């Protein structure tokens, strides 16, 4: 049951981050950060992933690049890929181990 909550909240978080980048609306990014928190908090509580709360830096980078305009849109996409990589790696490692 807990894993379903983590997967759904992380999935919706990534969806909202994508919508924030596509629309340039920071409200979606706030929702994304709130929904990403359970995964980051859980990973931070494990000894192997101490410092996982630093994943929020990617949300800040997306917010900064949206604030600066189209010049730094590449930074938003790079940060989004980093946000996507962590849950994707977790899902792949759980499924194949």
PDB file of N, CA and C in Angstrom:
ATOM      1  N   UNK A   1       0.816  -1.197   0.000  1.00  0.00           N
ATOM      2  CA  UNK A   1       0.000   0.000   0.000  1.00  0.00           C
ATOM      3  C   UNK A   1       0.863   1.265   0.000  1.00  0.00           C
ATOM      4  N   UNK A   2       1.932   1.245   0.796  1.00  0.00           N
ATOM      5  CA  UNK A   2       2.803   2.417   0.868  1.00  0.00           C
ATOM      6  C   UNK A   2       3.492   2.642  -0.461  1.00  0.00           C
ATOM      7  N   UNK A   3       3.898   1.572  -1.116  1.00  0.00           N
ATOM      8  CA  UNK A   3       4.584   1.731  -2.399  1.00  0.00           C
ATOM      9  C   UNK A   3       3.661   2.336  -3.450  1.00  0.00           C
ATOM     10  N   UNK A   4       2.375   2.038  -3.394  1.00  0.00           N
ATOM     11  CA  UNK A   4       1.424   2.632  -4.334  1.00  0.00           C
ATOM     12  C   UNK A   4       1.330   4.132  -4.115  1.00  0.00           C
ATOM     13  N   UNK A   5       1.325   4.548  -2.851  1.00  0.00           N
ATOM     14  CA  UNK A   5       1.274   5.979  -2.541  1.00  0.00           C
ATOM     15  C   UNK A   5       2.531   6.675  -3.058  1.00  0.00           C
ATOM     16  N   UNK A   6       3.691   6.049  -2.842  1.00  0.00           N
ATOM     17  CA  UNK A   6       4.937   6.641  -3.339  1.00  0.00           C
ATOM     18  C   UNK A   6       4.950   6.727  -4.858  1.00  0.00           C
ATOM     19  N   UNK A   7       4.526   5.672  -5.520  1.00  0.00           N
ATOM     20  CA  UNK A   7       4.543   5.676  -6.981  1.00  0.00           C
ATOM     21  C   UNK A   7       3.558   6.691  -7.549  1.00  0.00           C
ATOM     22  N   UNK A   8       2.363   6.752  -6.983  1.00  0.00           N
ATOM     23  CA  UNK A   8       1.375   7.704  -7.486  1.00  0.00           C
ATOM     24  C   UNK A   8       1.794   9.146  -7.230  1.00  0.00           C
ATOM     25  N   UNK A   9       2.274   9.419  -6.028  1.00  0.00           N
ATOM     26  CA  UNK A   9       2.667  10.798  -5.742  1.00  0.00           C
ATOM     27  C   UNK A   9       3.871  11.214  -6.577  1.00  0.00           C
ATOM     28  N   UNK A  10       4.807  10.307  -6.785  1.00  0.00           N
ATOM     29  CA  UNK A  10       5.969  10.628  -7.604  1.00  0.00           C
ATOM     30  C   UNK A  10       5.576  10.775  -9.069  1.00  0.00           C
ATOM     31  N   UNK A  11       4.693   9.927  -9.538  1.00  0.00           N
ATOM     32  CA  UNK A  11       4.227  10.033 -10.921  1.00  0.00           C
ATOM     33  C   UNK A  11       3.502  11.345 -11.184  1.00  0.00           C
ATOM     34  N   UNK A  12       2.611  11.719 -10.273  1.00  0.00           N
ATOM     35  CA  UNK A  12       1.913  12.997 -10.424  1.00  0.00           C
ATOM     36  C   UNK A  12       2.876  14.169 -10.271  1.00  0.00           C
ATOM     37  N   UNK A  13       3.874  14.013  -9.423  1.00  0.00           N
ATOM     38  CA  UNK A  13       4.875  15.069  -9.271  1.00  0.00           C
ATOM     39  C   UNK A  13       5.619  15.302 -10.574  1.00  0.00           C
ATOM     40  N   UNK A  14       6.023  14.229 -11.225  1.00  0.00           N
ATOM     41  CA  UNK A  14       6.729  14.364 -12.499  1.00  0.00           C
ATOM     42  C   UNK A  14       5.813  14.938 -13.577  1.00  0.00           C
ATOM     43  N   UNK A  15       4.540  14.554 -13.542  1.00  0.00           N
ATOM     44  CA  UNK A  15       3.580  15.116 -14.486  1.00  0.00           C
ATOM     45  C   UNK A  15       3.429  16.624 -14.279  1.00  0.00           C
ATOM     46  N   UNK A  16       3.319  17.054 -13.022  1.00  0.00           N
ATOM     47  CA  UNK A  16       3.180  18.478 -12.740  1.00  0.00           C
ATOM     48  C   UNK A  16       4.451  19.249 -13.077  1.00  0.00           C
ATOM     49  N   UNK A  17       5.618  18.641 -12.881  1.00  0.00           N
ATOM     50  CA  UNK A  17       6.866  19.305 -13.268  1.00  0.00           C
ATOM     51  C   UNK A  17       6.925  19.475 -14.782  1.00  0.00           C
ATOM     52  N   UNK A  18       6.487  18.465 -15.508  1.00  0.00           N
ATOM     53  CA  UNK A  18       6.437  18.556 -16.963  1.00  0.00           C
ATOM     54  C   UNK A  18       5.477  19.659 -17.395  1.00  0.00           C
ATOM     55  N   UNK A  19       4.299  19.704 -16.767  1.00  0.00           N
ATOM     56  CA  UNK A  19       3.329  20.751 -17.096  1.00  0.00           C
ATOM     57  C   UNK A  19       3.860  22.136 -16.750  1.00  0.00           C
ATOM     58  N   UNK A  20       4.610  22.233 -15.674  1.00  0.00           N
ATOM     59  CA  UNK A  20       5.189  23.527 -15.288  1.00  0.00           C
ATOM     60  C   UNK A  20       6.181  24.012 -16.332  1.00  0.00           C
ATOM     61  N   UNK A  21       6.996  23.111 -16.827  1.00  0.00           N
ATOM     62  CA  UNK A  21       7.978  23.505 -17.838  1.00  0.00           C
ATOM     63  C   UNK A  21       7.275  23.864 -19.148  1.00  0.00           C
ATOM     64  N   UNK A  22       6.304  23.072 -19.529  1.00  0.00           N
ATOM     65  CA  UNK A  22       5.620  23.325 -20.800  1.00  0.00           C
ATOM     66  C   UNK A  22       4.802  24.613 -20.766  1.00  0.00           C
ATOM     67  N   UNK A  23       4.154  24.895 -19.642  1.00  0.00           N
ATOM     68  CA  UNK A  23       3.290  26.075 -19.576  1.00  0.00           C
ATOM     69  C   UNK A  23       4.000  27.300 -19.013  1.00  0.00           C
ATOM     70  N   UNK A  24       5.098  27.094 -18.308  1.00  0.00           N
ATOM     71  CA  UNK A  24       5.793  28.211 -17.670  1.00  0.00           C
ATOM     72  C   UNK A  24       5.096  28.698 -16.413  1.00  0.00           C
ATOM     73  N   UNK A  25       4.204  27.881 -15.864  1.00  0.00           N
ATOM     74  CA  UNK A  25       3.421  28.247 -14.695  1.00  0.00           C
ATOM     75  C   UNK A  25       4.053  27.646 -13.436  1.00  0.00           C
ATOM     76  N   UNK A  26       4.410  28.492 -12.497  1.00  0.00           N
ATOM     77  CA  UNK A  26       5.056  28.034 -11.278  1.00  0.00           C
ATOM     78  C   UNK A  26       4.140  27.313 -10.313  1.00  0.00           C
ATOM     79  N   UNK A  27       2.836  27.477 -10.475  1.00  0.00           N
ATOM     80  CA  UNK A  27       1.898  26.784  -9.568  1.00  0.00           C
ATOM     81  C   UNK A  27       1.987  25.276  -9.722  1.00  0.00           C
ATOM     82  N   UNK A  28       2.182  24.835 -10.932  1.00  0.00           N
ATOM     83  CA  UNK A  28       2.358  23.400 -11.150  1.00  0.00           C
ATOM     84  C   UNK A  28       3.635  22.903 -10.467  1.00  0.00           C
ATOM     85  N   UNK A  29       4.624  23.738 -10.428  1.00  0.00           N
ATOM     86  CA  UNK A  29       5.889  23.353  -9.808  1.00  0.00           C
ATOM     87  C   UNK A  29       5.751  23.241  -8.295  1.00  0.00           C
ATOM     88  N   UNK A  30       4.933  24.078  -7.698  1.00  0.00           N
ATOM     89  CA  UNK A  30       4.673  23.964  -6.257  1.00  0.00           C
ATOM     90  C   UNK A  30       3.977  22.645  -5.961  1.00  0.00           C
ATOM     91  N   UNK A  31       2.996  22.292  -6.771  1.00  0.00           N
ATOM     92  CA  UNK A  31       2.314  21.002  -6.594  1.00  0.00           C
ATOM     93  C   UNK A  31       3.289  19.850  -6.804  1.00  0.00           C
ATOM     94  N   UNK A  32       4.173  19.995  -7.767  1.00  0.00           N
ATOM     95  CA  UNK A  32       5.165  18.954  -8.028  1.00  0.00           C
ATOM     96  C   UNK A  32       6.087  18.758  -6.835  1.00  0.00           C
ATOM     97  N   UNK A  33       6.550  19.842  -6.249  1.00  0.00           N
ATOM     98  CA  UNK A  33       7.451  19.744  -5.100  1.00  0.00           C
ATOM     99  C   UNK A  33       6.749  19.106  -3.909  1.00  0.00           C
ATOM    100  N   UNK A  34       5.487  19.457  -3.701  1.00  0.00           N
ATOM    101  CA  UNK A  34       4.737  18.866  -2.579  1.00  0.00           C
ATOM    102  C   UNK A  34       4.529  17.371  -2.775  1.00  0.00           C
ATOM    103  N   UNK A  35       4.282  16.950  -3.989  1.00  0.00           N
ATOM    104  CA  UNK A  35       4.056  15.533  -4.243  1.00  0.00           C
ATOM    105  C   UNK A  35       5.351  14.726  -4.289  1.00  0.00           C
ATOM    106  N   UNK A  36       6.470  15.368  -4.531  1.00  0.00           N
ATOM    107  CA  UNK A  36       7.765  14.673  -4.560  1.00  0.00           C
ATOM    108  C   UNK A  36       8.333  14.479  -3.155  1.00  0.00           C
ATOM    109  N   UNK A  37       7.802  15.214  -2.195  1.00  0.00           N
ATOM    110  CA  UNK A  37       8.346  15.182  -0.842  1.00  0.00           C
ATOM    111  C   UNK A  37       8.317  13.797  -0.191  1.00  0.00           C
ATOM    112  N   UNK A  38       7.228  13.011  -0.283  1.00  0.00           N
ATOM    113  CA  UNK A  38       7.261  11.696   0.393  1.00  0.00           C
ATOM    114  C   UNK A  38       8.408  10.801  -0.059  1.00  0.00           C
ATOM    115  N   UNK A  39       8.689  10.773  -1.349  1.00  0.00           N
ATOM    116  CA  UNK A  39       9.792   9.938  -1.830  1.00  0.00           C
ATOM    117  C   UNK A  39      11.130  10.454  -1.331  1.00  0.00           C
ATOM    118  N   UNK A  40      11.350  11.757  -1.413  1.00  0.00           N
ATOM    119  CA  UNK A  40      12.622  12.327  -0.969  1.00  0.00           C
ATOM    120  C   UNK A  40      12.806  12.141   0.535  1.00  0.00           C
ATOM    121  N   UNK A  41      11.737  12.289   1.297  1.00  0.00           N
ATOM    122  CA  UNK A  41      11.814  12.129   2.744  1.00  0.00           C
ATOM    123  C   UNK A  41      12.107  10.674   3.106  1.00  0.00           C
ATOM    124  N   UNK A  42      11.452   9.747   2.436  1.00  0.00           N
ATOM    125  CA  UNK A  42      11.681   8.332   2.692  1.00  0.00           C
ATOM    126  C   UNK A  42      13.117   7.933   2.352  1.00  0.00           C
ATOM    127  N   UNK A  43      13.597   8.385   1.201  1.00  0.00           N
ATOM    128  CA  UNK A  43      14.971   8.057   0.819  1.00  0.00           C
ATOM    129  C   UNK A  43      15.975   8.698   1.757  1.00  0.00           C
ATOM    130  N   UNK A  44      15.684   9.893   2.235  1.00  0.00           N
ATOM    131  CA  UNK A  44      16.596  10.568   3.154  1.00  0.00           C
ATOM    132  C   UNK A  44      16.692   9.838   4.488  1.00  0.00           C
ATOM    133  N   UNK A  45      15.651   9.111   4.859  1.00  0.00           N
ATOM    134  CA  UNK A  45      15.641   8.395   6.131  1.00  0.00           C
ATOM    135  C   UNK A  45      16.432   7.087   6.072  1.00  0.00           C
ATOM    136  N   UNK A  46      16.776   6.627   4.887  1.00  0.00           N
ATOM    137  CA  UNK A  46      17.550   5.400   4.774  1.00  0.00           C
ATOM    138  C   UNK A  46      19.039   5.738   4.788  1.00  0.00           C
ATOM    139  N   UNK A  47      19.858   4.876   5.352  1.00  0.00           N
ATOM    140  CA  UNK A  47      21.290   5.176   5.435  1.00  0.00           C
ATOM    141  C   UNK A  47      21.978   5.269   4.066  1.00  0.00           C
ATOM    142  N   UNK A  48      21.475   4.550   3.111  1.00  0.00           N
ATOM    143  CA  UNK A  48      22.126   4.532   1.802  1.00  0.00           C
ATOM    144  C   UNK A  48      21.912   5.830   1.021  1.00  0.00           C
ATOM    145  N   UNK A  49      20.811   6.507   1.267  1.00  0.00           N
ATOM    146  CA  UNK A  49      20.457   7.698   0.494  1.00  0.00           C
ATOM    147  C   UNK A  49      20.369   8.949   1.356  1.00  0.00           C
ATOM    148  N   UNK A  50      21.250   9.079   2.327  1.00  0.00           N
ATOM    149  CA  UNK A  50      21.246  10.299   3.127  1.00  0.00           C
ATOM    150  C   UNK A  50      21.523  11.488   2.223  1.00  0.00           C
ATOM    151  N   UNK A  51      20.788  12.549   2.431  1.00  0.00           N
ATOM    152  CA  UNK A  51      20.936  13.727   1.588  1.00  0.00           C
ATOM    153  C   UNK A  51      20.002  13.734   0.398  1.00  0.00           C
ATOM    154  N   UNK A  52      19.032  12.813   0.379  1.00  0.00           N
ATOM    155  CA  UNK A  52      18.099  12.760  -0.746  1.00  0.00           C
ATOM    156  C   UNK A  52      17.170  13.969  -0.775  1.00  0.00           C
ATOM    157  N   UNK A  53      17.086  14.684   0.319  1.00  0.00           N
ATOM    158  CA  UNK A  53      16.274  15.903   0.305  1.00  0.00           C
ATOM    159  C   UNK A  53      16.904  16.970  -0.591  1.00  0.00           C
ATOM    160  N   UNK A  54      18.144  16.763  -0.971  1.00  0.00           N
ATOM    161  CA  UNK A  54      18.777  17.685  -1.908  1.00  0.00           C
ATOM    162  C   UNK A  54      18.191  17.571  -3.305  1.00  0.00           C
ATOM    163  N   UNK A  55      17.321  16.579  -3.521  1.00  0.00           N
ATOM    164  CA  UNK A  55      16.627  16.482  -4.797  1.00  0.00           C
ATOM    165  C   UNK A  55      15.748  17.705  -5.039  1.00  0.00           C
ATOM    166  N   UNK A  56      15.409  18.396  -3.967  1.00  0.00           N
ATOM    167  CA  UNK A  56      14.613  19.612  -4.126  1.00  0.00           C
ATOM    168  C   UNK A  56      15.396  20.724  -4.809  1.00  0.00           C
ATOM    169  N   UNK A  57      16.690  20.608  -4.875  1.00  0.00           N
ATOM    170  CA  UNK A  57      17.470  21.591  -5.627  1.00  0.00           C
ATOM    171  C   UNK A  57      17.076  21.589  -7.103  1.00  0.00           C
ATOM    172  N   UNK A  58      16.679  20.438  -7.609  1.00  0.00           N
ATOM    173  CA  UNK A  58      16.245  20.378  -9.000  1.00  0.00           C
ATOM    174  C   UNK A  58      14.936  21.135  -9.198  1.00  0.00           C
ATOM    175  N   UNK A  59      14.055  21.084  -8.201  1.00  0.00           N
ATOM    176  CA  UNK A  59      12.836  21.896  -8.282  1.00  0.00           C
ATOM    177  C   UNK A  59      13.186  23.384  -8.267  1.00  0.00           C
ATOM    178  N   UNK A  60      14.160  23.748  -7.449  1.00  0.00           N
ATOM    179  CA  UNK A  60      14.581  25.148  -7.411  1.00  0.00           C
ATOM    180  C   UNK A  60      15.218  25.568  -8.741  1.00  0.00           C
ATOM    181  N   UNK A  61      15.983  24.672  -9.361  1.00  0.00           N
ATOM    182  CA  UNK A  61      16.573  24.992 -10.658  1.00  0.00           C
ATOM    183  C   UNK A  61      15.503  25.169 -11.730  1.00  0.00           C
ATOM    184  N   UNK A  62      14.475  24.348 -11.678  1.00  0.00           N
ATOM    185  CA  UNK A  62      13.373  24.504 -12.630  1.00  0.00           C
ATOM    186  C   UNK A  62      12.673  25.835 -12.388  1.00  0.00           C
ATOM    187  N   UNK A  63      12.434  26.167 -11.119  1.00  0.00           N
ATOM    188  CA  UNK A  63      11.777  27.437 -10.811  1.00  0.00           C
ATOM    189  C   UNK A  63      12.623  28.620 -11.265  1.00  0.00           C
ATOM    190  N   UNK A  64      13.917  28.542 -11.055  1.00  0.00           N
ATOM    191  CA  UNK A  64      14.807  29.622 -11.471  1.00  0.00           C
ATOM    192  C   UNK A  64      14.808  29.778 -12.990  1.00  0.00           C
ATOM    193  N   UNK A  65      14.863  28.659 -13.694  1.00  0.00           N
ATOM    194  CA  UNK A  65      14.888  28.746 -15.149  1.00  0.00           C
ATOM    195  C   UNK A  65      13.558  29.239 -15.703  1.00  0.00           C
ATOM    196  N   UNK A  66      12.431  28.908 -15.047  1.00  0.00           N
ATOM    197  CA  UNK A  66      11.145  29.452 -15.484  1.00  0.00           C
ATOM    198  C   UNK A  66      11.063  30.941 -15.204  1.00  0.00           C
ATOM    199  N   UNK A  67      11.673  31.362 -14.117  1.00  0.00           N
ATOM    200  CA  UNK A  67      11.674  32.779 -13.773  1.00  0.00           C
ATOM    201  C   UNK A  67      12.517  33.584 -14.759  1.00  0.00           C
ATOM    202  N   UNK A  68      13.635  33.028 -15.187  1.00  0.00           N
ATOM    203  CA  UNK A  68      14.540  33.751 -16.084  1.00  0.00           C
ATOM    204  C   UNK A  68      14.047  33.777 -17.525  1.00  0.00           C
ATOM    205  N   UNK A  69      13.149  32.926 -17.872  1.00  0.00           N
ATOM    206  CA  UNK A  69      12.584  32.960 -19.220  1.00  0.00           C
ATOM    207  C   UNK A  69      13.146  31.902 -20.140  1.00  0.00           C
ATOM    208  N   UNK A  70      12.920  32.077 -21.434  1.00  0.00           N
ATOM    209  CA  UNK A  70      13.276  31.033 -22.406  1.00  0.00           C
ATOM    210  C   UNK A  70      14.772  30.789 -22.568  1.00  0.00           C
ATOM    211  N   UNK A  71      15.602  31.719 -22.108  1.00  0.00           N
ATOM    212  CA  UNK A  71      17.049  31.525 -22.254  1.00  0.00           C
ATOM    213  C   UNK A  71      17.537  30.296 -21.496  1.00  0.00           C
ATOM    214  N   UNK A  72      16.966  30.066 -20.336  1.00  0.00           N
ATOM    215  CA  UNK A  72      17.420  28.950 -19.492  1.00  0.00           C
ATOM    216  C   UNK A  72      16.448  27.773 -19.494  1.00  0.00           C
ATOM    217  N   UNK A  73      15.687  27.630 -20.551  1.00  0.00           N
ATOM    218  CA  UNK A  73      14.760  26.512 -20.610  1.00  0.00           C
ATOM    219  C   UNK A  73      15.491  25.176 -20.636  1.00  0.00           C
ATOM    220  N   UNK A  74      16.694  25.155 -21.175  1.00  0.00           N
ATOM    221  CA  UNK A  74      17.490  23.923 -21.197  1.00  0.00           C
ATOM    222  C   UNK A  74      17.799  23.455 -19.779  1.00  0.00           C
ATOM    223  N   UNK A  75      17.994  24.399 -18.845  1.00  0.00           N
ATOM    224  CA  UNK A  75      18.270  24.033 -17.456  1.00  0.00           C
ATOM    225  C   UNK A  75      17.060  23.360 -16.819  1.00  0.00           C
ATOM    226  N   UNK A  76      15.886  23.825 -17.174  1.00  0.00           N
ATOM    227  CA  UNK A  76      14.665  23.196 -16.661  1.00  0.00           C
ATOM    228  C   UNK A  76      14.549  21.762 -17.156  1.00  0.00           C
ATOM    229  N   UNK A  77      14.859  21.530 -18.414  1.00  0.00           N
ATOM    230  CA  UNK A  77      14.764  20.174 -18.952  1.00  0.00           C
ATOM    231  C   UNK A  77      15.822  19.249 -18.364  1.00  0.00           C
ATOM    232  N   UNK A  78      17.022  19.748 -18.161  1.00  0.00           N
ATOM    233  CA  UNK A  78      18.076  18.931 -17.544  1.00  0.00           C
ATOM    234  C   UNK A  78      17.687  18.575 -16.112  1.00  0.00           C
ATOM    235  N   UNK A  79      17.136  19.529 -15.392  1.00  0.00           N
ATOM    236  CA  UNK A  79      16.698  19.269 -14.016  1.00  0.00           C
ATOM    237  C   UNK A  79      15.533  18.287 -13.994  1.00  0.00           C
ATOM    238  N   UNK A  80      14.658  18.384 -14.969  1.00  0.00           N
ATOM    239  CA  UNK A  80      13.532  17.442 -15.047  1.00  0.00           C
ATOM    240  C   UNK A  80      14.032  16.019 -15.299  1.00  0.00           C
ATOM    241  N   UNK A  81      15.021  15.882 -16.155  1.00  0.00           N
ATOM    242  CA  UNK A  81      15.582  14.553 -16.425  1.00  0.00           C
ATOM    243  C   UNK A  81      16.215  13.982 -15.151  1.00  0.00           C
ATOM    244  N   UNK A  82      16.861  14.833 -14.369  1.00  0.00           N
ATOM    245  CA  UNK A  82      17.441  14.368 -13.104  1.00  0.00           C
ATOM    246  C   UNK A  82      16.345  13.953 -12.125  1.00  0.00           C
ATOM    247  N   UNK A  83      15.247  14.706 -12.087  1.00  0.00           N
ATOM    248  CA  UNK A  83      14.130  14.317 -11.227  1.00  0.00           C
ATOM    249  C   UNK A  83      13.514  13.004 -11.691  1.00  0.00           C
ATOM    250  N   UNK A  84      13.483  12.792 -12.967  1.00  0.00           N
ATOM    251  CA  UNK A  84      12.917  11.569 -13.529  1.00  0.00           C
ATOM    252  C   UNK A  84      13.832  10.370 -13.324  1.00  0.00           C
ATOM    253  N   UNK A  85      15.123  10.598 -13.300  1.00  0.00           N
ATOM    254  CA  UNK A  85      16.094   9.497 -13.229  1.00  0.00           C
ATOM    255  C   UNK A  85      16.041   8.754 -11.896  1.00  0.00           C
ATOM    256  N   UNK A  86      15.840   9.467 -10.806  1.00  0.00           N
ATOM    257  CA  UNK A  86      15.862   8.815  -9.488  1.00  0.00           C
ATOM    258  C   UNK A  86      14.709   7.823  -9.331  1.00  0.00           C
ATOM    259  N   UNK A  87      13.450   8.212  -9.542  1.00  0.00           N
ATOM    260  CA  UNK A  87      12.391   7.201  -9.417  1.00  0.00           C
ATOM    261  C   UNK A  87      12.470   6.109 -10.478  1.00  0.00           C
ATOM    262  N   UNK A  88      12.932   6.463 -11.676  1.00  0.00           N
ATOM    263  CA  UNK A  88      13.067   5.433 -12.709  1.00  0.00           C
ATOM    264  C   UNK A  88      14.100   4.393 -12.291  1.00  0.00           C
ATOM    265  N   UNK A  89      15.206   4.851 -11.732  1.00  0.00           N
ATOM    266  CA  UNK A  89      16.228   3.921 -11.256  1.00  0.00           C
ATOM    267  C   UNK A  89      15.686   3.048 -10.123  1.00  0.00           C
ATOM    268  N   UNK A  90      14.910   3.639  -9.221  1.00  0.00           N
ATOM    269  CA  UNK A  90      14.334   2.861  -8.120  1.00  0.00           C
ATOM    270  C   UNK A  90      13.365   1.800  -8.622  1.00  0.00           C
ATOM    271  N   UNK A  91      12.510   2.165  -9.564  1.00  0.00           N
ATOM    272  CA  UNK A  91      11.545   1.207 -10.107  1.00  0.00           C
ATOM    273  C   UNK A  91      12.265   0.086 -10.835  1.00  0.00           C
ATOM    274  N   UNK A  92      13.255   0.407 -11.636  1.00  0.00           N
ATOM    275  CA  UNK A  92      13.993  -0.613 -12.371  1.00  0.00           C
ATOM    276  C   UNK A  92      14.740  -1.530 -11.425  1.00  0.00           C
ATOM    277  N   UNK A  93      15.353  -0.968 -10.374  1.00  0.00           N
ATOM    278  CA  UNK A  93      16.092  -1.817  -9.442  1.00  0.00           C
ATOM    279  C   UNK A  93      15.163  -2.712  -8.633  1.00  0.00           C
ATOM    280  N   UNK A  94      13.967  -2.259  -8.328  1.00  0.00           N
ATOM    281  CA  UNK A  94      13.012  -3.108  -7.596  1.00  0.00           C
ATOM    282  C   UNK A  94      12.468  -4.209  -8.497  1.00  0.00           C
ATOM    283  N   UNK A  95      12.175  -3.874  -9.733  1.00  0.00           N
ATOM    284  CA  UNK A  95      11.600  -4.868 -10.629  1.00  0.00           C
ATOM    285  C   UNK A  95      12.583  -5.959 -11.041  1.00  0.00           C
ATOM    286  N   UNK A  96      13.849  -5.629 -11.153  1.00  0.00           N
ATOM    287  CA  UNK A  96      14.809  -6.610 -11.664  1.00  0.00           C
ATOM    288  C   UNK A  96      15.723  -7.193 -10.599  1.00  0.00           C
ATOM    289  N   UNK A  97      15.448  -6.951  -9.320  1.00  0.00           N
ATOM    290  CA  UNK A  97      16.250  -7.574  -8.272  1.00  0.00           C
ATOM    291  C   UNK A  97      15.404  -8.358  -7.329  1.00  0.00           C
TER     292      UNK A  97
END
